[in-house]
Amino acid sequence: MRAVVADDSVLLREGLARLLAESGVEVVGFAGDADSLLEAVAEHEPDIALVDIRMPPSFTHEGAEAAVALRARYPELGILLLSQSLESRYALDLARTSPRRFGYLLKDRVLDVGALIDAVERVAAGGTVLDPDVVSQFLARAASRDRFGTLTERERETLELMAAGRSNQAIARAMVVTERTVETFVASIFSKLDLPPEPDDHRRVLAVLAWLQR
């Protein structure tokens, strides 16, 4: 198996290369930025590319964007995204649209050599590998979307006004309903978003945060 390793950290690139080589994977190219990655894959035609999501110059999503471009150009190339923290946008898009030969691991996970090699082999063979923490986040977001889907139109309007900082009295005026009706909407929102009364929690704030982060 032949691999290209793309990460702006020289130490990490060399460390990954050593771990891969010890397990029989030939590292045929290195890259420190997205452009170099595209060039290395075109030159060496590897079986798999290990790609850091955050790369120069902005260290935001250059690596992930390069992975999307690679998938479009080389559908049979295995792509294993690596990230220091949870970065779901591009990983979720790739997992949905091109699940074959795709993997996403947090960098902490690659310290386990067995987990790294297993992921590389499975992705190169056509499988899909997702870090357990990534799966948990995806499922949590899906569950959140499902909960919001149960809100009525009036409950959504109430929550939007709550997010704008309006009191129940102000919401009642804006919606042309009684304050008691708003209280009913708010109670229903708390119930549907699974926000039971807790002595240390401010449910109104938690509901608004969930709405803003959905």
N, C-alpha and C. Protein backbone atom coordinates (compact mmCIF):
# COMPACT_ATOMS: atom_id res chain seq x y z
N MET A 1 0.83 -1.19 0.00
CA MET A 1 0.00 0.00 0.00
C MET A 1 0.88 1.25 0.00
N ARG A 2 0.48 2.27 -0.76
CA ARG A 2 1.26 3.49 -0.90
C ARG A 2 0.45 4.66 -0.35
N ALA A 3 1.11 5.55 0.41
CA ALA A 3 0.40 6.64 1.06
C ALA A 3 1.12 7.98 0.88
N VAL A 4 0.31 9.05 0.91
CA VAL A 4 0.82 10.42 0.98
C VAL A 4 0.36 10.99 2.32
N VAL A 5 1.26 11.67 3.01
CA VAL A 5 0.93 12.24 4.31
C VAL A 5 0.98 13.76 4.20
N ALA A 6 -0.13 14.43 4.56
CA ALA A 6 -0.21 15.89 4.46
C ALA A 6 -0.52 16.49 5.82
N ASP A 7 0.45 17.25 6.35
CA ASP A 7 0.28 17.95 7.62
C ASP A 7 1.32 19.05 7.67
N ASP A 8 0.96 20.20 8.23
CA ASP A 8 1.92 21.30 8.27
C ASP A 8 3.04 21.06 9.29
N SER A 9 2.84 20.12 10.22
CA SER A 9 3.86 19.80 11.22
C SER A 9 4.82 18.75 10.67
N VAL A 10 6.07 19.13 10.54
CA VAL A 10 7.09 18.19 10.05
C VAL A 10 7.21 17.00 11.00
N LEU A 11 7.19 17.28 12.28
CA LEU A 11 7.33 16.21 13.27
C LEU A 11 6.20 15.20 13.15
N LEU A 12 4.99 15.68 12.98
CA LEU A 12 3.86 14.77 12.85
C LEU A 12 3.94 13.97 11.56
N ARG A 13 4.33 14.63 10.47
CA ARG A 13 4.48 13.91 9.20
C ARG A 13 5.48 12.78 9.33
N GLU A 14 6.64 13.10 9.94
CA GLU A 14 7.68 12.08 10.08
C GLU A 14 7.23 10.97 11.04
N GLY A 15 6.52 11.36 12.09
CA GLY A 15 6.03 10.35 13.02
C GLY A 15 5.04 9.41 12.38
N LEU A 16 4.11 9.96 11.61
CA LEU A 16 3.14 9.12 10.91
C LEU A 16 3.83 8.23 9.89
N ALA A 17 4.79 8.80 9.18
CA ALA A 17 5.52 8.02 8.17
C ALA A 17 6.23 6.84 8.81
N ARG A 18 6.84 7.05 9.97
CA ARG A 18 7.55 5.97 10.65
C ARG A 18 6.58 4.87 11.10
N LEU A 19 5.44 5.29 11.65
CA LEU A 19 4.46 4.31 12.10
C LEU A 19 3.91 3.51 10.92
N LEU A 20 3.66 4.19 9.83
CA LEU A 20 3.14 3.51 8.64
C LEU A 20 4.17 2.55 8.06
N ALA A 21 5.41 3.01 7.96
CA ALA A 21 6.47 2.18 7.39
C ALA A 21 6.68 0.92 8.21
N GLU A 22 6.61 1.04 9.53
CA GLU A 22 6.79 -0.12 10.40
C GLU A 22 5.68 -1.15 10.22
N SER A 23 4.56 -0.70 9.66
CA SER A 23 3.43 -1.61 9.44
C SER A 23 3.30 -2.01 7.97
N GLY A 24 4.33 -1.70 7.19
CA GLY A 24 4.36 -2.15 5.80
C GLY A 24 3.71 -1.21 4.80
N VAL A 25 3.38 0.01 5.24
CA VAL A 25 2.80 0.99 4.31
C VAL A 25 3.91 1.89 3.79
N GLU A 26 4.02 2.00 2.48
CA GLU A 26 5.06 2.82 1.87
C GLU A 26 4.59 4.27 1.73
N VAL A 27 5.27 5.19 2.40
CA VAL A 27 4.94 6.61 2.27
C VAL A 27 5.72 7.17 1.09
N VAL A 28 5.00 7.54 0.05
CA VAL A 28 5.65 7.96 -1.20
C VAL A 28 5.71 9.47 -1.36
N GLY A 29 5.04 10.22 -0.50
CA GLY A 29 5.06 11.66 -0.63
C GLY A 29 4.59 12.37 0.61
N PHE A 30 5.06 13.61 0.77
CA PHE A 30 4.69 14.44 1.91
C PHE A 30 4.16 15.77 1.39
N ALA A 31 3.34 16.44 2.21
CA ALA A 31 2.84 17.76 1.85
C ALA A 31 2.63 18.57 3.12
N GLY A 32 2.96 19.87 3.03
CA GLY A 32 2.77 20.75 4.17
C GLY A 32 1.65 21.74 3.98
N ASP A 33 1.02 21.74 2.79
CA ASP A 33 -0.12 22.61 2.54
C ASP A 33 -1.01 21.97 1.48
N ALA A 34 -2.14 22.56 1.23
CA ALA A 34 -3.12 21.95 0.34
C ALA A 34 -2.62 21.82 -1.09
N ASP A 35 -1.95 22.84 -1.60
CA ASP A 35 -1.46 22.79 -2.98
C ASP A 35 -0.44 21.67 -3.15
N SER A 36 0.46 21.54 -2.17
CA SER A 36 1.47 20.47 -2.23
C SER A 36 0.81 19.10 -2.16
N LEU A 37 -0.28 19.02 -1.41
CA LEU A 37 -1.00 17.74 -1.33
C LEU A 37 -1.56 17.34 -2.69
N LEU A 38 -2.20 18.28 -3.36
CA LEU A 38 -2.76 17.98 -4.68
C LEU A 38 -1.66 17.57 -5.66
N GLU A 39 -0.52 18.24 -5.58
CA GLU A 39 0.60 17.91 -6.45
C GLU A 39 1.17 16.53 -6.13
N ALA A 40 1.28 16.22 -4.83
CA ALA A 40 1.86 14.93 -4.42
C ALA A 40 0.98 13.77 -4.87
N VAL A 41 -0.33 13.93 -4.75
CA VAL A 41 -1.25 12.86 -5.17
C VAL A 41 -1.18 12.69 -6.68
N ALA A 42 -1.13 13.79 -7.42
CA ALA A 42 -1.05 13.69 -8.88
C ALA A 42 0.24 13.02 -9.31
N GLU A 43 1.34 13.30 -8.60
CA GLU A 43 2.63 12.74 -8.98
C GLU A 43 2.78 11.28 -8.59
N HIS A 44 2.36 10.93 -7.38
CA HIS A 44 2.66 9.60 -6.85
C HIS A 44 1.50 8.60 -6.97
N GLU A 45 0.28 9.07 -7.22
CA GLU A 45 -0.88 8.19 -7.35
C GLU A 45 -0.95 7.17 -6.21
N PRO A 46 -1.06 7.64 -4.97
CA PRO A 46 -1.08 6.72 -3.83
C PRO A 46 -2.42 6.00 -3.70
N ASP A 47 -2.45 5.01 -2.82
CA ASP A 47 -3.70 4.32 -2.52
C ASP A 47 -4.52 5.10 -1.50
N ILE A 48 -3.82 5.87 -0.65
CA ILE A 48 -4.50 6.61 0.39
C ILE A 48 -3.74 7.89 0.72
N ALA A 49 -4.49 8.92 1.12
CA ALA A 49 -3.89 10.18 1.56
C ALA A 49 -4.36 10.46 2.97
N LEU A 50 -3.39 10.70 3.87
CA LEU A 50 -3.71 11.10 5.23
C LEU A 50 -3.61 12.61 5.28
N VAL A 51 -4.71 13.28 5.61
CA VAL A 51 -4.80 14.73 5.43
C VAL A 51 -5.24 15.44 6.70
N ASP A 52 -4.43 16.40 7.14
CA ASP A 52 -4.82 17.25 8.25
C ASP A 52 -5.88 18.23 7.75
N ILE A 53 -6.97 18.38 8.50
CA ILE A 53 -8.04 19.28 8.07
C ILE A 53 -7.57 20.73 8.03
N ARG A 54 -6.82 21.16 9.03
CA ARG A 54 -6.37 22.57 9.11
C ARG A 54 -4.94 22.67 8.59
N MET A 55 -4.79 23.42 7.50
CA MET A 55 -3.47 23.58 6.90
C MET A 55 -3.26 25.02 6.49
N PRO A 56 -2.00 25.40 6.16
CA PRO A 56 -1.72 26.78 5.75
C PRO A 56 -2.49 27.13 4.48
N PRO A 57 -2.76 28.43 4.24
CA PRO A 57 -2.22 29.57 5.01
C PRO A 57 -3.10 30.01 6.18
N SER A 58 -4.40 29.70 6.15
CA SER A 58 -5.29 30.24 7.19
C SER A 58 -5.50 29.27 8.34
N PHE A 59 -5.10 28.01 8.14
CA PHE A 59 -5.27 26.97 9.16
C PHE A 59 -6.73 26.82 9.57
N THR A 60 -7.62 26.90 8.60
CA THR A 60 -9.04 26.67 8.87
C THR A 60 -9.46 25.34 8.26
N HIS A 61 -9.82 25.34 6.95
CA HIS A 61 -10.30 24.10 6.34
C HIS A 61 -9.59 23.77 5.02
N GLU A 62 -8.40 24.30 4.84
CA GLU A 62 -7.71 24.06 3.55
C GLU A 62 -7.53 22.57 3.26
N GLY A 63 -7.15 21.81 4.29
CA GLY A 63 -6.94 20.38 4.09
C GLY A 63 -8.22 19.67 3.73
N ALA A 64 -9.30 20.03 4.40
CA ALA A 64 -10.59 19.40 4.11
C ALA A 64 -11.07 19.78 2.72
N GLU A 65 -10.87 21.03 2.33
CA GLU A 65 -11.27 21.45 0.99
C GLU A 65 -10.46 20.72 -0.07
N ALA A 66 -9.17 20.50 0.22
CA ALA A 66 -8.34 19.73 -0.71
C ALA A 66 -8.83 18.30 -0.81
N ALA A 67 -9.30 17.76 0.32
CA ALA A 67 -9.83 16.38 0.32
C ALA A 67 -11.07 16.28 -0.56
N VAL A 68 -11.91 17.30 -0.51
CA VAL A 68 -13.10 17.32 -1.37
C VAL A 68 -12.68 17.34 -2.84
N ALA A 69 -11.67 18.14 -3.16
CA ALA A 69 -11.18 18.21 -4.54
C ALA A 69 -10.58 16.88 -4.97
N LEU A 70 -9.84 16.25 -4.06
CA LEU A 70 -9.23 14.95 -4.38
C LEU A 70 -10.30 13.88 -4.63
N ARG A 71 -11.35 13.91 -3.82
CA ARG A 71 -12.41 12.94 -4.03
C ARG A 71 -13.04 13.08 -5.40
N ALA A 72 -13.21 14.33 -5.85
CA ALA A 72 -13.81 14.57 -7.15
C ALA A 72 -12.90 14.09 -8.28
N ARG A 73 -11.57 14.26 -8.11
CA ARG A 73 -10.63 13.90 -9.16
C ARG A 73 -10.24 12.42 -9.13
N TYR A 74 -10.17 11.86 -7.93
CA TYR A 74 -9.69 10.48 -7.77
C TYR A 74 -10.68 9.70 -6.90
N PRO A 75 -11.78 9.26 -7.48
CA PRO A 75 -12.82 8.58 -6.68
C PRO A 75 -12.34 7.29 -6.01
N GLU A 76 -11.27 6.69 -6.48
CA GLU A 76 -10.78 5.45 -5.89
C GLU A 76 -9.69 5.70 -4.84
N LEU A 77 -9.34 6.94 -4.61
CA LEU A 77 -8.32 7.27 -3.62
C LEU A 77 -8.91 7.19 -2.22
N GLY A 78 -8.22 6.50 -1.32
CA GLY A 78 -8.63 6.49 0.07
C GLY A 78 -8.25 7.81 0.72
N ILE A 79 -9.13 8.37 1.50
CA ILE A 79 -8.87 9.64 2.18
C ILE A 79 -9.13 9.48 3.67
N LEU A 80 -8.10 9.74 4.47
CA LEU A 80 -8.25 9.68 5.93
C LEU A 80 -7.97 11.07 6.48
N LEU A 81 -9.02 11.76 6.90
CA LEU A 81 -8.88 13.09 7.47
C LEU A 81 -8.43 12.99 8.92
N LEU A 82 -7.54 13.89 9.33
CA LEU A 82 -7.06 13.94 10.70
C LEU A 82 -7.32 15.34 11.25
N SER A 83 -7.73 15.41 12.51
CA SER A 83 -8.03 16.71 13.09
C SER A 83 -7.68 16.74 14.56
N GLN A 84 -7.22 17.91 15.02
CA GLN A 84 -6.91 18.09 16.44
C GLN A 84 -8.18 18.19 17.26
N SER A 85 -9.26 18.71 16.65
CA SER A 85 -10.53 18.85 17.34
C SER A 85 -11.65 18.51 16.37
N LEU A 86 -12.86 18.43 16.90
CA LEU A 86 -13.99 18.06 16.06
C LEU A 86 -14.28 19.13 15.02
N GLU A 87 -14.22 18.74 13.75
CA GLU A 87 -14.51 19.64 12.63
C GLU A 87 -15.48 18.89 11.73
N SER A 88 -16.75 19.15 11.89
CA SER A 88 -17.71 18.26 11.26
C SER A 88 -18.16 18.64 9.85
N ARG A 89 -18.02 19.90 9.47
CA ARG A 89 -18.65 20.35 8.23
C ARG A 89 -18.25 19.52 7.01
N TYR A 90 -16.97 19.51 6.68
CA TYR A 90 -16.52 18.80 5.48
C TYR A 90 -16.54 17.29 5.70
N ALA A 91 -16.22 16.86 6.92
CA ALA A 91 -16.24 15.42 7.20
C ALA A 91 -17.63 14.85 7.00
N LEU A 92 -18.64 15.56 7.48
CA LEU A 92 -20.01 15.09 7.33
C LEU A 92 -20.42 15.08 5.87
N ASP A 93 -20.04 16.11 5.12
CA ASP A 93 -20.38 16.16 3.70
C ASP A 93 -19.76 14.98 2.95
N LEU A 94 -18.48 14.71 3.23
CA LEU A 94 -17.81 13.61 2.56
C LEU A 94 -18.40 12.26 2.98
N ALA A 95 -18.70 12.12 4.26
CA ALA A 95 -19.26 10.86 4.74
C ALA A 95 -20.62 10.59 4.11
N ARG A 96 -21.37 11.65 3.86
CA ARG A 96 -22.70 11.49 3.26
C ARG A 96 -22.62 11.21 1.77
N THR A 97 -21.77 11.99 1.07
CA THR A 97 -21.75 11.90 -0.39
C THR A 97 -20.80 10.83 -0.92
N SER A 98 -19.71 10.55 -0.19
CA SER A 98 -18.72 9.59 -0.67
C SER A 98 -18.21 8.74 0.50
N PRO A 99 -19.06 7.90 1.07
CA PRO A 99 -18.66 7.14 2.25
C PRO A 99 -17.58 6.09 1.99
N ARG A 100 -17.50 5.59 0.77
CA ARG A 100 -16.48 4.57 0.48
C ARG A 100 -15.09 5.19 0.45
N ARG A 101 -14.15 4.44 0.99
CA ARG A 101 -12.74 4.87 1.00
C ARG A 101 -12.57 6.21 1.74
N PHE A 102 -13.29 6.37 2.83
CA PHE A 102 -13.21 7.62 3.59
C PHE A 102 -13.11 7.34 5.09
N GLY A 103 -12.26 8.14 5.75
CA GLY A 103 -12.15 8.02 7.20
C GLY A 103 -11.88 9.37 7.83
N TYR A 104 -12.20 9.47 9.11
CA TYR A 104 -11.98 10.70 9.86
C TYR A 104 -11.61 10.33 11.29
N LEU A 105 -10.40 10.69 11.70
CA LEU A 105 -9.93 10.39 13.05
C LEU A 105 -9.42 11.65 13.73
N LEU A 106 -9.65 11.75 15.03
CA LEU A 106 -8.99 12.78 15.80
C LEU A 106 -7.53 12.38 15.98
N LYS A 107 -6.66 13.38 16.04
CA LYS A 107 -5.22 13.08 16.11
C LYS A 107 -4.85 12.32 17.37
N ASP A 108 -5.58 12.51 18.44
CA ASP A 108 -5.31 11.75 19.66
C ASP A 108 -5.43 10.25 19.39
N ARG A 109 -6.31 9.90 18.46
CA ARG A 109 -6.56 8.48 18.18
C ARG A 109 -5.38 7.83 17.47
N VAL A 110 -4.59 8.61 16.71
CA VAL A 110 -3.51 8.01 15.94
C VAL A 110 -2.33 7.63 16.83
N LEU A 111 -2.37 8.05 18.10
CA LEU A 111 -1.33 7.62 19.03
C LEU A 111 -1.44 6.12 19.28
N ASP A 112 -2.63 5.59 19.05
CA ASP A 112 -2.84 4.15 19.12
C ASP A 112 -2.49 3.58 17.74
N VAL A 113 -1.31 2.99 17.63
CA VAL A 113 -0.82 2.51 16.34
C VAL A 113 -1.77 1.52 15.71
N GLY A 114 -2.31 0.65 16.53
CA GLY A 114 -3.25 -0.35 16.01
C GLY A 114 -4.48 0.30 15.39
N ALA A 115 -5.02 1.35 16.05
CA ALA A 115 -6.20 2.04 15.53
C ALA A 115 -5.87 2.76 14.22
N LEU A 116 -4.67 3.36 14.16
CA LEU A 116 -4.26 4.08 12.95
C LEU A 116 -4.13 3.12 11.77
N ILE A 117 -3.40 2.04 11.96
CA ILE A 117 -3.19 1.10 10.86
C ILE A 117 -4.49 0.44 10.44
N ASP A 118 -5.32 0.10 11.41
CA ASP A 118 -6.62 -0.49 11.08
C ASP A 118 -7.43 0.47 10.23
N ALA A 119 -7.43 1.77 10.60
CA ALA A 119 -8.18 2.76 9.83
C ALA A 119 -7.63 2.90 8.42
N VAL A 120 -6.30 2.95 8.29
CA VAL A 120 -5.68 3.08 6.98
C VAL A 120 -6.04 1.88 6.10
N GLU A 121 -5.96 0.70 6.64
CA GLU A 121 -6.25 -0.51 5.86
C GLU A 121 -7.71 -0.58 5.44
N ARG A 122 -8.58 -0.22 6.36
CA ARG A 122 -10.01 -0.29 6.05
C ARG A 122 -10.41 0.74 5.01
N VAL A 123 -9.87 1.96 5.13
CA VAL A 123 -10.19 3.01 4.15
C VAL A 123 -9.63 2.64 2.78
N ALA A 124 -8.39 2.19 2.74
CA ALA A 124 -7.78 1.82 1.46
C ALA A 124 -8.53 0.67 0.79
N ALA A 125 -9.15 -0.19 1.60
CA ALA A 125 -9.88 -1.33 1.06
C ALA A 125 -11.30 -0.98 0.64
N GLY A 126 -11.69 0.29 0.82
CA GLY A 126 -13.01 0.71 0.38
C GLY A 126 -14.00 0.96 1.50
N GLY A 127 -13.54 0.83 2.76
CA GLY A 127 -14.44 1.00 3.88
C GLY A 127 -14.54 2.44 4.37
N THR A 128 -15.32 2.60 5.42
CA THR A 128 -15.52 3.91 6.05
C THR A 128 -15.15 3.82 7.52
N VAL A 129 -14.38 4.77 8.00
CA VAL A 129 -13.96 4.80 9.40
C VAL A 129 -14.25 6.18 9.97
N LEU A 130 -15.03 6.24 11.05
CA LEU A 130 -15.31 7.51 11.71
C LEU A 130 -14.95 7.41 13.18
N ASP A 131 -14.24 8.41 13.66
CA ASP A 131 -13.87 8.46 15.06
C ASP A 131 -15.13 8.39 15.92
N PRO A 132 -15.10 7.61 17.01
CA PRO A 132 -16.29 7.50 17.88
C PRO A 132 -16.80 8.85 18.36
N ASP A 133 -15.88 9.79 18.67
CA ASP A 133 -16.32 11.11 19.13
C ASP A 133 -17.02 11.88 18.02
N VAL A 134 -16.59 11.66 16.78
CA VAL A 134 -17.24 12.32 15.64
C VAL A 134 -18.65 11.77 15.47
N VAL A 135 -18.78 10.45 15.58
CA VAL A 135 -20.09 9.82 15.46
C VAL A 135 -21.04 10.35 16.53
N SER A 136 -20.53 10.48 17.75
CA SER A 136 -21.36 11.00 18.85
C SER A 136 -21.85 12.40 18.55
N GLN A 137 -20.96 13.24 17.99
CA GLN A 137 -21.37 14.60 17.66
C GLN A 137 -22.41 14.62 16.56
N PHE A 138 -22.21 13.80 15.52
CA PHE A 138 -23.18 13.74 14.43
C PHE A 138 -24.55 13.33 14.95
N LEU A 139 -24.56 12.29 15.80
CA LEU A 139 -25.82 11.79 16.33
C LEU A 139 -26.50 12.83 17.20
N ALA A 140 -25.69 13.56 17.99
CA ALA A 140 -26.25 14.59 18.86
C ALA A 140 -26.89 15.69 18.02
N ARG A 141 -26.23 16.09 16.93
CA ARG A 141 -26.78 17.14 16.08
C ARG A 141 -28.04 16.66 15.38
N ALA A 142 -28.05 15.38 14.97
CA ALA A 142 -29.24 14.84 14.32
C ALA A 142 -30.41 14.81 15.30
N ALA A 143 -30.12 14.41 16.54
CA ALA A 143 -31.16 14.38 17.56
C ALA A 143 -31.69 15.77 17.83
N SER A 144 -30.78 16.75 17.84
CA SER A 144 -31.19 18.14 18.07
C SER A 144 -32.11 18.61 16.95
N ARG A 145 -31.75 18.29 15.70
CA ARG A 145 -32.59 18.68 14.58
C ARG A 145 -33.96 18.04 14.68
N ASP A 146 -34.00 16.75 15.12
CA ASP A 146 -35.27 16.05 15.26
C ASP A 146 -36.14 16.72 16.30
N ARG A 147 -35.53 17.15 17.41
CA ARG A 147 -36.30 17.80 18.47
C ARG A 147 -36.89 19.12 17.96
N PHE A 148 -36.10 19.88 17.23
CA PHE A 148 -36.62 21.15 16.72
C PHE A 148 -37.72 20.91 15.69
N GLY A 149 -37.64 19.77 15.01
CA GLY A 149 -38.66 19.44 14.03
C GLY A 149 -40.03 19.22 14.64
N THR A 150 -40.09 18.97 15.95
CA THR A 150 -41.37 18.74 16.61
C THR A 150 -42.04 20.04 17.05
N LEU A 151 -41.33 21.15 17.00
CA LEU A 151 -41.91 22.42 17.41
C LEU A 151 -42.94 22.90 16.40
N THR A 152 -44.03 23.47 16.92
CA THR A 152 -45.03 24.05 16.04
C THR A 152 -44.52 25.39 15.51
N GLU A 153 -45.22 25.94 14.53
CA GLU A 153 -44.81 27.23 13.97
C GLU A 153 -44.82 28.32 15.04
N ARG A 154 -45.83 28.31 15.91
CA ARG A 154 -45.91 29.32 16.95
C ARG A 154 -44.83 29.13 18.01
N GLU A 155 -44.48 27.88 18.29
CA GLU A 155 -43.41 27.61 19.24
C GLU A 155 -42.06 28.07 18.67
N ARG A 156 -41.87 27.87 17.39
CA ARG A 156 -40.63 28.34 16.75
C ARG A 156 -40.56 29.87 16.80
N GLU A 157 -41.70 30.52 16.55
CA GLU A 157 -41.74 31.98 16.60
C GLU A 157 -41.42 32.46 18.01
N THR A 158 -41.95 31.75 19.00
CA THR A 158 -41.67 32.09 20.40
C THR A 158 -40.18 31.95 20.70
N LEU A 159 -39.59 30.85 20.25
CA LEU A 159 -38.18 30.61 20.52
C LEU A 159 -37.29 31.63 19.81
N GLU A 160 -37.66 32.03 18.62
CA GLU A 160 -36.90 33.05 17.91
C GLU A 160 -36.92 34.38 18.69
N LEU A 161 -38.08 34.71 19.24
CA LEU A 161 -38.19 35.95 20.03
C LEU A 161 -37.44 35.83 21.35
N MET A 162 -37.45 34.63 21.93
CA MET A 162 -36.64 34.40 23.12
C MET A 162 -35.17 34.62 22.81
N ALA A 163 -34.72 34.12 21.64
CA ALA A 163 -33.33 34.27 21.24
C ALA A 163 -32.97 35.74 21.01
N ALA A 164 -33.99 36.54 20.70
CA ALA A 164 -33.76 37.98 20.51
C ALA A 164 -33.75 38.73 21.83
N GLY A 165 -33.93 38.00 22.93
CA GLY A 165 -33.86 38.61 24.25
C GLY A 165 -35.18 39.14 24.77
N ARG A 166 -36.31 38.78 24.12
CA ARG A 166 -37.61 39.31 24.53
C ARG A 166 -38.13 38.58 25.78
N SER A 167 -38.80 39.31 26.64
CA SER A 167 -39.48 38.72 27.80
C SER A 167 -40.79 38.09 27.34
N ASN A 168 -41.43 37.31 28.21
CA ASN A 168 -42.72 36.73 27.85
C ASN A 168 -43.74 37.81 27.52
N GLN A 169 -43.71 38.90 28.28
CA GLN A 169 -44.64 39.99 28.04
C GLN A 169 -44.42 40.61 26.65
N ALA A 170 -43.16 40.82 26.31
CA ALA A 170 -42.84 41.38 24.99
C ALA A 170 -43.21 40.41 23.88
N ILE A 171 -42.98 39.13 24.12
CA ILE A 171 -43.34 38.11 23.12
C ILE A 171 -44.84 38.10 22.90
N ALA A 172 -45.58 38.20 23.98
CA ALA A 172 -47.04 38.22 23.87
C ALA A 172 -47.52 39.40 23.01
N ARG A 173 -46.92 40.57 23.22
CA ARG A 173 -47.29 41.73 22.42
C ARG A 173 -46.95 41.51 20.95
N ALA A 174 -45.75 40.96 20.69
CA ALA A 174 -45.31 40.76 19.31
C ALA A 174 -46.18 39.73 18.58
N MET A 175 -46.63 38.71 19.30
CA MET A 175 -47.41 37.64 18.68
C MET A 175 -48.92 37.86 18.79
N VAL A 176 -49.29 38.93 19.49
CA VAL A 176 -50.71 39.28 19.69
C VAL A 176 -51.45 38.11 20.34
N VAL A 177 -50.90 37.64 21.44
CA VAL A 177 -51.53 36.60 22.25
C VAL A 177 -51.39 37.02 23.71
N THR A 178 -52.00 36.24 24.59
CA THR A 178 -51.89 36.55 26.01
C THR A 178 -50.56 36.05 26.55
N GLU A 179 -50.15 36.61 27.67
CA GLU A 179 -48.91 36.16 28.29
C GLU A 179 -49.03 34.72 28.76
N ARG A 180 -50.22 34.31 29.19
CA ARG A 180 -50.44 32.92 29.59
C ARG A 180 -50.21 31.97 28.41
N THR A 181 -50.61 32.40 27.21
CA THR A 181 -50.40 31.56 26.02
C THR A 181 -48.90 31.41 25.74
N VAL A 182 -48.16 32.50 25.91
CA VAL A 182 -46.71 32.43 25.72
C VAL A 182 -46.10 31.47 26.73
N GLU A 183 -46.56 31.53 27.97
CA GLU A 183 -46.05 30.61 28.99
C GLU A 183 -46.30 29.17 28.59
N THR A 184 -47.44 28.91 27.96
CA THR A 184 -47.75 27.56 27.47
C THR A 184 -46.79 27.16 26.36
N PHE A 185 -46.52 28.08 25.43
CA PHE A 185 -45.58 27.80 24.35
C PHE A 185 -44.19 27.49 24.93
N VAL A 186 -43.74 28.31 25.89
CA VAL A 186 -42.41 28.14 26.47
C VAL A 186 -42.31 26.79 27.18
N ALA A 187 -43.34 26.42 27.92
CA ALA A 187 -43.33 25.14 28.63
C ALA A 187 -43.25 23.98 27.63
N SER A 188 -43.96 24.12 26.52
CA SER A 188 -43.93 23.07 25.50
C SER A 188 -42.55 22.98 24.85
N ILE A 189 -41.91 24.14 24.63
CA ILE A 189 -40.56 24.17 24.07
C ILE A 189 -39.59 23.43 24.98
N PHE A 190 -39.65 23.72 26.28
CA PHE A 190 -38.77 23.06 27.24
C PHE A 190 -38.98 21.55 27.19
N SER A 191 -40.23 21.13 27.10
CA SER A 191 -40.53 19.69 27.08
C SER A 191 -40.00 19.03 25.82
N LYS A 192 -40.23 19.65 24.67
CA LYS A 192 -39.81 19.05 23.40
C LYS A 192 -38.29 19.05 23.22
N LEU A 193 -37.62 20.02 23.85
CA LEU A 193 -36.15 20.07 23.77
C LEU A 193 -35.50 19.30 24.90
N ASP A 194 -36.30 18.58 25.65
CA ASP A 194 -35.80 17.74 26.74
C ASP A 194 -34.99 18.57 27.74
N LEU A 195 -35.63 19.61 28.25
CA LEU A 195 -35.00 20.50 29.23
C LEU A 195 -35.84 20.50 30.50
N PRO A 196 -35.71 19.45 31.32
CA PRO A 196 -36.49 19.38 32.56
C PRO A 196 -35.98 20.40 33.57
N PRO A 197 -36.80 20.74 34.57
CA PRO A 197 -36.35 21.70 35.60
C PRO A 197 -35.13 21.17 36.35
N GLU A 198 -34.11 21.98 36.45
CA GLU A 198 -32.90 21.64 37.21
C GLU A 198 -32.51 22.85 38.05
N PRO A 199 -32.15 22.63 39.32
CA PRO A 199 -31.84 23.77 40.19
C PRO A 199 -30.67 24.62 39.72
N ASP A 200 -29.73 24.02 38.98
CA ASP A 200 -28.53 24.76 38.56
C ASP A 200 -28.58 25.21 37.10
N ASP A 201 -29.71 24.95 36.41
CA ASP A 201 -29.80 25.28 34.99
C ASP A 201 -30.82 26.39 34.75
N HIS A 202 -30.55 27.22 33.76
CA HIS A 202 -31.49 28.25 33.31
C HIS A 202 -32.04 27.75 31.98
N ARG A 203 -33.24 27.16 32.03
CA ARG A 203 -33.76 26.49 30.83
C ARG A 203 -33.98 27.46 29.66
N ARG A 204 -34.33 28.67 29.95
CA ARG A 204 -34.54 29.64 28.87
C ARG A 204 -33.25 29.88 28.10
N VAL A 205 -32.15 30.01 28.84
CA VAL A 205 -30.84 30.21 28.20
C VAL A 205 -30.44 28.97 27.42
N LEU A 206 -30.64 27.78 28.00
CA LEU A 206 -30.27 26.54 27.32
C LEU A 206 -31.07 26.34 26.03
N ALA A 207 -32.34 26.70 26.07
CA ALA A 207 -33.17 26.57 24.87
C ALA A 207 -32.68 27.49 23.77
N VAL A 208 -32.35 28.72 24.13
CA VAL A 208 -31.86 29.68 23.14
C VAL A 208 -30.51 29.23 22.58
N LEU A 209 -29.61 28.74 23.44
CA LEU A 209 -28.31 28.26 22.96
C LEU A 209 -28.50 27.10 21.98
N ALA A 210 -29.40 26.18 22.30
CA ALA A 210 -29.66 25.05 21.40
C ALA A 210 -30.19 25.53 20.06
N TRP A 211 -31.07 26.55 20.11
CA TRP A 211 -31.63 27.12 18.88
C TRP A 211 -30.54 27.76 18.01
N LEU A 212 -29.65 28.50 18.65
CA LEU A 212 -28.59 29.18 17.91
C LEU A 212 -27.57 28.22 17.35
N GLN A 213 -27.37 27.07 18.01
CA GLN A 213 -26.34 26.12 17.59
C GLN A 213 -26.89 25.02 16.71
N ARG A 214 -28.19 25.02 16.41
CA ARG A 214 -28.79 23.88 15.72
C ARG A 214 -28.22 23.74 14.31
